[in-house]
Amino acid sequence: MKKTSLMITILLVTMLLTGCNQQIDIEKRNYVMGLGIDLKDDQFIFTFSFPDFTALIGTGENIHYPVVNIEAKSLEEAAAVYARQSNRRLDYGQMQSIIFGRELLMDKEKMGQVLNEIKENREFSRTILACMAEGKADDIIRLDETVNGSIGIYIRDMFENNLQQLPHENITVGDLIIGISNPQKDIKIPSVAVDESGIIPNIIGYEVIQGTSLK
């Protein structure tokens, strides 16, 4: 985890030092490291986690910035709500992991909607790791309060460090976006759950997505 954390920290610090050239002042942004997306009735529940720089580089106290939970009809609407509440803009450019709730992945229309929105947002890298929460994605993102540094980085490292032992390759946002235009393609998405200790996530298996929903 230290290697990934250090790279991200160096990048963010570099951006801070060159912030005068940025269109939006870096002090007006909050960088999202992990994103959970659930479905509730006809709306989405977006759960955002943010980095603790001192924990990422292994110095200072492991201070966690509160996870933010927003109910909205779209990712764009959630970002607008966040901006009004905090006077800061969400920045997805350093995001490491996205977790989709099981209920959302069972709804082809809603899953397609959120994937298309991610596809059109240039801040979302196609290499962001993607996985499914066995229950609510919110439960996984809230482990940010117990893991060291960031749950977004923790999940990405969990998969990358165990790549040789896992039965399938890691899935990215780019893989899921391909499924929009290739609805017959099967994608094996990993499922994660909170482990028995209640403080870390665990990989519990894989399920098949065809197009934009569970098969």
C-alpha atoms as a PDB file:
ATOM      1  CA  MET A   1       0.000   0.000   0.000  1.00  0.00           C
ATOM      2  CA  LYS A   2       2.889   2.374   0.730  1.00  0.00           C
ATOM      3  CA  LYS A   3       4.010   2.524  -2.915  1.00  0.00           C
ATOM      4  CA  THR A   4       0.557   3.465  -4.225  1.00  0.00           C
ATOM      5  CA  SER A   5      -0.004   5.907  -1.356  1.00  0.00           C
ATOM      6  CA  LEU A   6       3.341   7.628  -1.885  1.00  0.00           C
ATOM      7  CA  MET A   7       2.748   8.041  -5.622  1.00  0.00           C
ATOM      8  CA  ILE A   8      -0.658   9.599  -5.007  1.00  0.00           C
ATOM      9  CA  THR A   9       0.676  11.876  -2.296  1.00  0.00           C
ATOM     10  CA  ILE A  10       3.553  13.084  -4.504  1.00  0.00           C
ATOM     11  CA  LEU A  11       1.112  13.801  -7.314  1.00  0.00           C
ATOM     12  CA  LEU A  12      -1.262  15.740  -5.055  1.00  0.00           C
ATOM     13  CA  VAL A  13       1.568  17.737  -3.494  1.00  0.00           C
ATOM     14  CA  THR A  14       2.895  18.561  -6.976  1.00  0.00           C
ATOM     15  CA  MET A  15      -0.553  19.769  -7.946  1.00  0.00           C
ATOM     16  CA  LEU A  16      -0.622  21.897  -4.805  1.00  0.00           C
ATOM     17  CA  LEU A  17       2.715  23.534  -5.659  1.00  0.00           C
ATOM     18  CA  THR A  18       1.584  24.295  -9.212  1.00  0.00           C
ATOM     19  CA  GLY A  19      -1.946  25.198  -8.202  1.00  0.00           C
ATOM     20  CA  CYS A  20      -1.679  28.733  -9.543  1.00  0.00           C
ATOM     21  CA  ASN A  21      -1.990  27.302 -13.039  1.00  0.00           C
ATOM     22  CA  GLN A  22      -5.142  25.381 -12.200  1.00  0.00           C
ATOM     23  CA  GLN A  23      -8.507  26.744 -13.320  1.00  0.00           C
ATOM     24  CA  ILE A  24      -9.941  25.945  -9.897  1.00  0.00           C
ATOM     25  CA  ASP A  25      -7.838  26.601  -6.802  1.00  0.00           C
ATOM     26  CA  ILE A  26      -6.737  23.320  -5.214  1.00  0.00           C
ATOM     27  CA  GLU A  27      -8.013  24.573  -1.867  1.00  0.00           C
ATOM     28  CA  LYS A  28     -11.505  24.548  -3.321  1.00  0.00           C
ATOM     29  CA  ARG A  29     -11.340  20.831  -4.200  1.00  0.00           C
ATOM     30  CA  ASN A  30     -11.808  17.631  -2.254  1.00  0.00           C
ATOM     31  CA  TYR A  31     -10.142  14.611  -3.845  1.00  0.00           C
ATOM     32  CA  VAL A  32     -12.264  11.462  -3.876  1.00  0.00           C
ATOM     33  CA  MET A  33     -10.243   8.282  -3.254  1.00  0.00           C
ATOM     34  CA  GLY A  34     -13.130   5.821  -3.022  1.00  0.00           C
ATOM     35  CA  LEU A  35     -16.720   5.948  -4.260  1.00  0.00           C
ATOM     36  CA  GLY A  36     -19.615   3.695  -3.333  1.00  0.00           C
ATOM     37  CA  ILE A  37     -22.836   3.721  -5.348  1.00  0.00           C
ATOM     38  CA  ASP A  38     -26.077   2.179  -4.098  1.00  0.00           C
ATOM     39  CA  LEU A  39     -29.669   2.268  -5.270  1.00  0.00           C
ATOM     40  CA  LYS A  40     -32.524   3.402  -3.038  1.00  0.00           C
ATOM     41  CA  ASP A  41     -35.975   3.405  -4.604  1.00  0.00           C
ATOM     42  CA  ASP A  42     -35.533   5.580  -7.724  1.00  0.00           C
ATOM     43  CA  GLN A  43     -32.419   7.413  -6.532  1.00  0.00           C
ATOM     44  CA  PHE A  44     -28.737   6.740  -6.014  1.00  0.00           C
ATOM     45  CA  ILE A  45     -26.827   6.851  -2.748  1.00  0.00           C
ATOM     46  CA  PHE A  46     -23.300   8.121  -3.399  1.00  0.00           C
ATOM     47  CA  THR A  47     -20.739   7.573  -0.630  1.00  0.00           C
ATOM     48  CA  PHE A  48     -17.463   9.480  -0.936  1.00  0.00           C
ATOM     49  CA  SER A  49     -14.196   8.913   0.943  1.00  0.00           C
ATOM     50  CA  PHE A  50     -11.246  11.303   1.008  1.00  0.00           C
ATOM     51  CA  PRO A  51      -7.503  10.945   1.666  1.00  0.00           C
ATOM     52  CA  ASP A  52      -5.645  11.569   4.894  1.00  0.00           C
ATOM     53  CA  PHE A  53      -2.262  12.752   3.654  1.00  0.00           C
ATOM     54  CA  THR A  54      -0.389  12.150   6.934  1.00  0.00           C
ATOM     55  CA  ALA A  55      -1.544   8.531   7.059  1.00  0.00           C
ATOM     56  CA  LEU A  56      -0.763   7.989   3.374  1.00  0.00           C
ATOM     57  CA  ILE A  57       2.889   8.888   3.807  1.00  0.00           C
ATOM     58  CA  GLY A  58       3.204   7.169   7.184  1.00  0.00           C
ATOM     59  CA  THR A  59       3.683  10.259   9.337  1.00  0.00           C
ATOM     60  CA  GLY A  60       1.483  11.861  11.925  1.00  0.00           C
ATOM     61  CA  GLU A  61      -1.799  10.547  13.247  1.00  0.00           C
ATOM     62  CA  ASN A  62      -4.220   8.438  11.273  1.00  0.00           C
ATOM     63  CA  ILE A  63      -6.894  11.145  11.102  1.00  0.00           C
ATOM     64  CA  HIS A  64      -9.881  10.229   8.978  1.00  0.00           C
ATOM     65  CA  TYR A  65     -11.942  12.810   7.187  1.00  0.00           C
ATOM     66  CA  PRO A  66     -15.635  11.925   7.480  1.00  0.00           C
ATOM     67  CA  VAL A  67     -17.194   9.829   4.751  1.00  0.00           C
ATOM     68  CA  VAL A  68     -19.884  11.817   2.934  1.00  0.00           C
ATOM     69  CA  ASN A  69     -23.202  10.252   1.949  1.00  0.00           C
ATOM     70  CA  ILE A  70     -25.473  11.994  -0.607  1.00  0.00           C
ATOM     71  CA  GLU A  71     -28.801  10.846  -2.051  1.00  0.00           C
ATOM     72  CA  ALA A  72     -29.366  12.168  -5.576  1.00  0.00           C
ATOM     73  CA  LYS A  73     -30.806  11.345  -8.992  1.00  0.00           C
ATOM     74  CA  SER A  74     -27.397  11.519 -10.667  1.00  0.00           C
ATOM     75  CA  LEU A  75     -23.683  11.880  -9.985  1.00  0.00           C
ATOM     76  CA  GLU A  76     -23.859  15.428 -11.304  1.00  0.00           C
ATOM     77  CA  GLU A  77     -26.623  16.297  -8.863  1.00  0.00           C
ATOM     78  CA  ALA A  78     -24.683  14.749  -5.970  1.00  0.00           C
ATOM     79  CA  ALA A  79     -21.641  16.874  -6.854  1.00  0.00           C
ATOM     80  CA  ALA A  80     -23.812  20.003  -6.895  1.00  0.00           C
ATOM     81  CA  VAL A  81     -25.267  19.135  -3.477  1.00  0.00           C
ATOM     82  CA  TYR A  82     -21.772  18.591  -2.084  1.00  0.00           C
ATOM     83  CA  ALA A  83     -20.566  21.932  -3.461  1.00  0.00           C
ATOM     84  CA  ARG A  84     -23.463  23.770  -1.834  1.00  0.00           C
ATOM     85  CA  GLN A  85     -22.902  22.081   1.514  1.00  0.00           C
ATOM     86  CA  SER A  86     -19.114  22.388   1.692  1.00  0.00           C
ATOM     87  CA  ASN A  87     -18.173  25.216  -0.661  1.00  0.00           C
ATOM     88  CA  ARG A  88     -15.758  22.771  -2.295  1.00  0.00           C
ATOM     89  CA  ARG A  89     -15.731  20.907  -5.581  1.00  0.00           C
ATOM     90  CA  LEU A  90     -15.419  17.128  -5.786  1.00  0.00           C
ATOM     91  CA  ASP A  91     -12.419  16.036  -7.846  1.00  0.00           C
ATOM     92  CA  TYR A  92     -12.376  12.456  -9.198  1.00  0.00           C
ATOM     93  CA  GLY A  93      -8.975  12.654 -10.853  1.00  0.00           C
ATOM     94  CA  GLN A  94      -7.130  10.607  -8.183  1.00  0.00           C
ATOM     95  CA  MET A  95      -9.848   8.034  -7.478  1.00  0.00           C
ATOM     96  CA  GLN A  96      -8.641   4.483  -6.851  1.00  0.00           C
ATOM     97  CA  SER A  97     -11.761   2.330  -6.449  1.00  0.00           C
ATOM     98  CA  ILE A  98     -15.488   2.320  -7.167  1.00  0.00           C
ATOM     99  CA  ILE A  99     -17.799  -0.113  -5.378  1.00  0.00           C
ATOM    100  CA  PHE A 100     -21.248  -0.822  -6.804  1.00  0.00           C
ATOM    101  CA  GLY A 101     -23.979  -2.145  -4.513  1.00  0.00           C
ATOM    102  CA  ARG A 102     -25.604  -5.447  -5.437  1.00  0.00           C
ATOM    103  CA  GLU A 103     -29.067  -3.914  -5.808  1.00  0.00           C
ATOM    104  CA  LEU A 104     -27.737  -1.355  -8.293  1.00  0.00           C
ATOM    105  CA  LEU A 105     -26.063  -4.069 -10.356  1.00  0.00           C
ATOM    106  CA  MET A 106     -29.389  -5.859 -10.610  1.00  0.00           C
ATOM    107  CA  ASP A 107     -31.006  -2.814 -12.244  1.00  0.00           C
ATOM    108  CA  LYS A 108     -29.903  -2.637 -15.888  1.00  0.00           C
ATOM    109  CA  GLU A 109     -31.367   0.818 -16.536  1.00  0.00           C
ATOM    110  CA  LYS A 110     -29.943   2.520 -13.442  1.00  0.00           C
ATOM    111  CA  MET A 111     -26.541   0.861 -13.795  1.00  0.00           C
ATOM    112  CA  GLY A 112     -26.432   1.949 -17.427  1.00  0.00           C
ATOM    113  CA  GLN A 113     -27.313   5.494 -16.397  1.00  0.00           C
ATOM    114  CA  VAL A 114     -24.519   5.824 -13.875  1.00  0.00           C
ATOM    115  CA  LEU A 115     -21.940   4.168 -16.161  1.00  0.00           C
ATOM    116  CA  ASN A 116     -22.825   6.544 -18.986  1.00  0.00           C
ATOM    117  CA  GLU A 117     -22.425   9.482 -16.633  1.00  0.00           C
ATOM    118  CA  ILE A 118     -18.999   8.203 -15.542  1.00  0.00           C
ATOM    119  CA  LYS A 119     -18.080   7.634 -19.188  1.00  0.00           C
ATOM    120  CA  GLU A 120     -18.834  11.259 -20.074  1.00  0.00           C
ATOM    121  CA  ASN A 121     -16.891  12.689 -17.111  1.00  0.00           C
ATOM    122  CA  ARG A 122     -13.247  13.160 -18.122  1.00  0.00           C
ATOM    123  CA  GLU A 123     -12.034  13.088 -14.525  1.00  0.00           C
ATOM    124  CA  PHE A 124     -12.891   9.389 -14.208  1.00  0.00           C
ATOM    125  CA  SER A 125      -9.924   7.312 -15.334  1.00  0.00           C
ATOM    126  CA  ARG A 126     -10.739   4.096 -17.191  1.00  0.00           C
ATOM    127  CA  THR A 127      -8.211   2.320 -14.940  1.00  0.00           C
ATOM    128  CA  ILE A 128     -10.135   2.858 -11.682  1.00  0.00           C
ATOM    129  CA  LEU A 129     -10.635  -0.522 -10.028  1.00  0.00           C
ATOM    130  CA  ALA A 130     -14.265  -1.680  -9.888  1.00  0.00           C
ATOM    131  CA  CYS A 131     -15.933  -4.269  -7.676  1.00  0.00           C
ATOM    132  CA  MET A 132     -19.318  -5.199  -6.243  1.00  0.00           C
ATOM    133  CA  ALA A 133     -20.408  -5.010  -2.620  1.00  0.00           C
ATOM    134  CA  GLU A 134     -22.196  -8.164  -1.524  1.00  0.00           C
ATOM    135  CA  GLY A 135     -24.620  -5.858   0.287  1.00  0.00           C
ATOM    136  CA  LYS A 136     -24.383  -2.075   0.337  1.00  0.00           C
ATOM    137  CA  ALA A 137     -21.430  -0.231  -1.162  1.00  0.00           C
ATOM    138  CA  ASP A 138     -21.852   2.275   1.658  1.00  0.00           C
ATOM    139  CA  ASP A 139     -20.837  -0.415   4.183  1.00  0.00           C
ATOM    140  CA  ILE A 140     -17.530  -0.944   2.359  1.00  0.00           C
ATOM    141  CA  ILE A 141     -16.683   2.734   1.930  1.00  0.00           C
ATOM    142  CA  ARG A 142     -17.360   3.391   5.618  1.00  0.00           C
ATOM    143  CA  LEU A 143     -14.466   1.065   6.439  1.00  0.00           C
ATOM    144  CA  ASP A 144     -12.426   4.172   5.619  1.00  0.00           C
ATOM    145  CA  GLU A 145     -12.817   4.906   9.331  1.00  0.00           C
ATOM    146  CA  THR A 146     -10.911   1.752  10.334  1.00  0.00           C
ATOM    147  CA  VAL A 147      -8.305   1.087   7.621  1.00  0.00           C
ATOM    148  CA  ASN A 148      -5.061   3.028   7.476  1.00  0.00           C
ATOM    149  CA  GLY A 149      -4.960   5.890   4.983  1.00  0.00           C
ATOM    150  CA  SER A 150      -7.848   5.439   2.546  1.00  0.00           C
ATOM    151  CA  ILE A 151     -10.364   2.693   1.797  1.00  0.00           C
ATOM    152  CA  GLY A 152     -10.080   3.482  -1.929  1.00  0.00           C
ATOM    153  CA  ILE A 153      -6.349   2.766  -1.910  1.00  0.00           C
ATOM    154  CA  TYR A 154      -6.746  -0.163   0.486  1.00  0.00           C
ATOM    155  CA  ILE A 155      -9.162  -1.948  -1.857  1.00  0.00           C
ATOM    156  CA  ARG A 156      -7.034  -1.353  -4.948  1.00  0.00           C
ATOM    157  CA  ASP A 157      -3.941  -2.646  -3.176  1.00  0.00           C
ATOM    158  CA  MET A 158      -5.863  -5.632  -1.820  1.00  0.00           C
ATOM    159  CA  PHE A 159      -6.557  -6.758  -5.375  1.00  0.00           C
ATOM    160  CA  GLU A 160      -3.182  -5.853  -6.852  1.00  0.00           C
ATOM    161  CA  ASN A 161      -1.224  -7.553  -4.062  1.00  0.00           C
ATOM    162  CA  ASN A 162      -3.219 -10.768  -4.496  1.00  0.00           C
ATOM    163  CA  LEU A 163      -3.388 -10.758  -8.283  1.00  0.00           C
ATOM    164  CA  GLN A 164      -1.447 -14.020  -8.650  1.00  0.00           C
ATOM    165  CA  GLN A 165      -3.777 -15.850  -6.265  1.00  0.00           C
ATOM    166  CA  LEU A 166      -7.056 -14.521  -7.680  1.00  0.00           C
ATOM    167  CA  PRO A 167      -8.874 -16.643 -10.290  1.00  0.00           C
ATOM    168  CA  HIS A 168      -9.674 -13.700 -12.581  1.00  0.00           C
ATOM    169  CA  GLU A 169      -8.058 -10.456 -13.701  1.00  0.00           C
ATOM    170  CA  ASN A 170      -8.972  -7.228 -11.940  1.00  0.00           C
ATOM    171  CA  ILE A 171     -11.931  -5.319 -13.356  1.00  0.00           C
ATOM    172  CA  THR A 172     -11.772  -1.613 -14.129  1.00  0.00           C
ATOM    173  CA  VAL A 173     -14.287   1.099 -14.899  1.00  0.00           C
ATOM    174  CA  GLY A 174     -13.116   0.854 -18.505  1.00  0.00           C
ATOM    175  CA  ASP A 175     -14.159  -2.816 -18.651  1.00  0.00           C
ATOM    176  CA  LEU A 176     -17.643  -1.951 -17.407  1.00  0.00           C
ATOM    177  CA  ILE A 177     -17.987   0.900 -19.908  1.00  0.00           C
ATOM    178  CA  ILE A 178     -17.153  -1.527 -22.730  1.00  0.00           C
ATOM    179  CA  GLY A 179     -20.131  -3.571 -21.582  1.00  0.00           C
ATOM    180  CA  ILE A 180     -22.474  -0.694 -22.508  1.00  0.00           C
ATOM    181  CA  SER A 181     -21.732  -1.146 -26.221  1.00  0.00           C
ATOM    182  CA  ASN A 182     -21.172  -4.914 -26.005  1.00  0.00           C
ATOM    183  CA  PRO A 183     -24.171  -6.258 -24.033  1.00  0.00           C
ATOM    184  CA  GLN A 184     -23.365  -9.896 -24.855  1.00  0.00           C
ATOM    185  CA  LYS A 185     -19.915  -9.751 -23.252  1.00  0.00           C
ATOM    186  CA  ASP A 186     -19.588 -11.517 -19.901  1.00  0.00           C
ATOM    187  CA  ILE A 187     -17.515  -9.712 -17.272  1.00  0.00           C
ATOM    188  CA  LYS A 188     -16.575 -11.419 -14.014  1.00  0.00           C
ATOM    189  CA  ILE A 189     -16.766  -8.799 -11.289  1.00  0.00           C
ATOM    190  CA  PRO A 190     -15.325  -9.478  -7.818  1.00  0.00           C
ATOM    191  CA  SER A 191     -17.600  -9.283  -4.799  1.00  0.00           C
ATOM    192  CA  VAL A 192     -16.390  -7.833  -1.500  1.00  0.00           C
ATOM    193  CA  ALA A 193     -17.871  -7.809   1.992  1.00  0.00           C
ATOM    194  CA  VAL A 194     -16.921  -6.624   5.466  1.00  0.00           C
ATOM    195  CA  ASP A 195     -14.938  -9.429   7.127  1.00  0.00           C
ATOM    196  CA  GLU A 196     -15.737 -10.972  10.507  1.00  0.00           C
ATOM    197  CA  SER A 197     -13.601  -8.431  12.352  1.00  0.00           C
ATOM    198  CA  GLY A 198     -15.831  -5.651  11.047  1.00  0.00           C
ATOM    199  CA  ILE A 199     -12.858  -3.436  10.228  1.00  0.00           C
ATOM    200  CA  ILE A 200     -11.551  -4.512   6.790  1.00  0.00           C
ATOM    201  CA  PRO A 201     -13.031  -5.675   3.457  1.00  0.00           C
ATOM    202  CA  ASN A 202     -12.598  -9.193   2.102  1.00  0.00           C
ATOM    203  CA  ILE A 203     -12.887 -10.695  -1.393  1.00  0.00           C
ATOM    204  CA  ILE A 204     -15.594 -13.357  -1.230  1.00  0.00           C
ATOM    205  CA  GLY A 205     -16.108 -14.415  -4.844  1.00  0.00           C
ATOM    206  CA  TYR A 206     -17.070 -13.385  -8.368  1.00  0.00           C
ATOM    207  CA  GLU A 207     -20.309 -12.831 -10.265  1.00  0.00           C
ATOM    208  CA  VAL A 208     -21.039 -12.318 -13.952  1.00  0.00           C
ATOM    209  CA  ILE A 209     -22.171  -9.042 -15.463  1.00  0.00           C
ATOM    210  CA  GLN A 210     -23.644  -9.091 -18.957  1.00  0.00           C
ATOM    211  CA  GLY A 211     -23.991  -5.656 -20.474  1.00  0.00           C
ATOM    212  CA  THR A 212     -24.715  -3.403 -17.510  1.00  0.00           C
ATOM    213  CA  SER A 213     -26.298  -5.754 -14.982  1.00  0.00           C
ATOM    214  CA  LEU A 214     -25.801  -9.051 -13.173  1.00  0.00           C
ATOM    215  CA  LYS A 215     -26.520 -12.041 -15.363  1.00  0.00           C
END
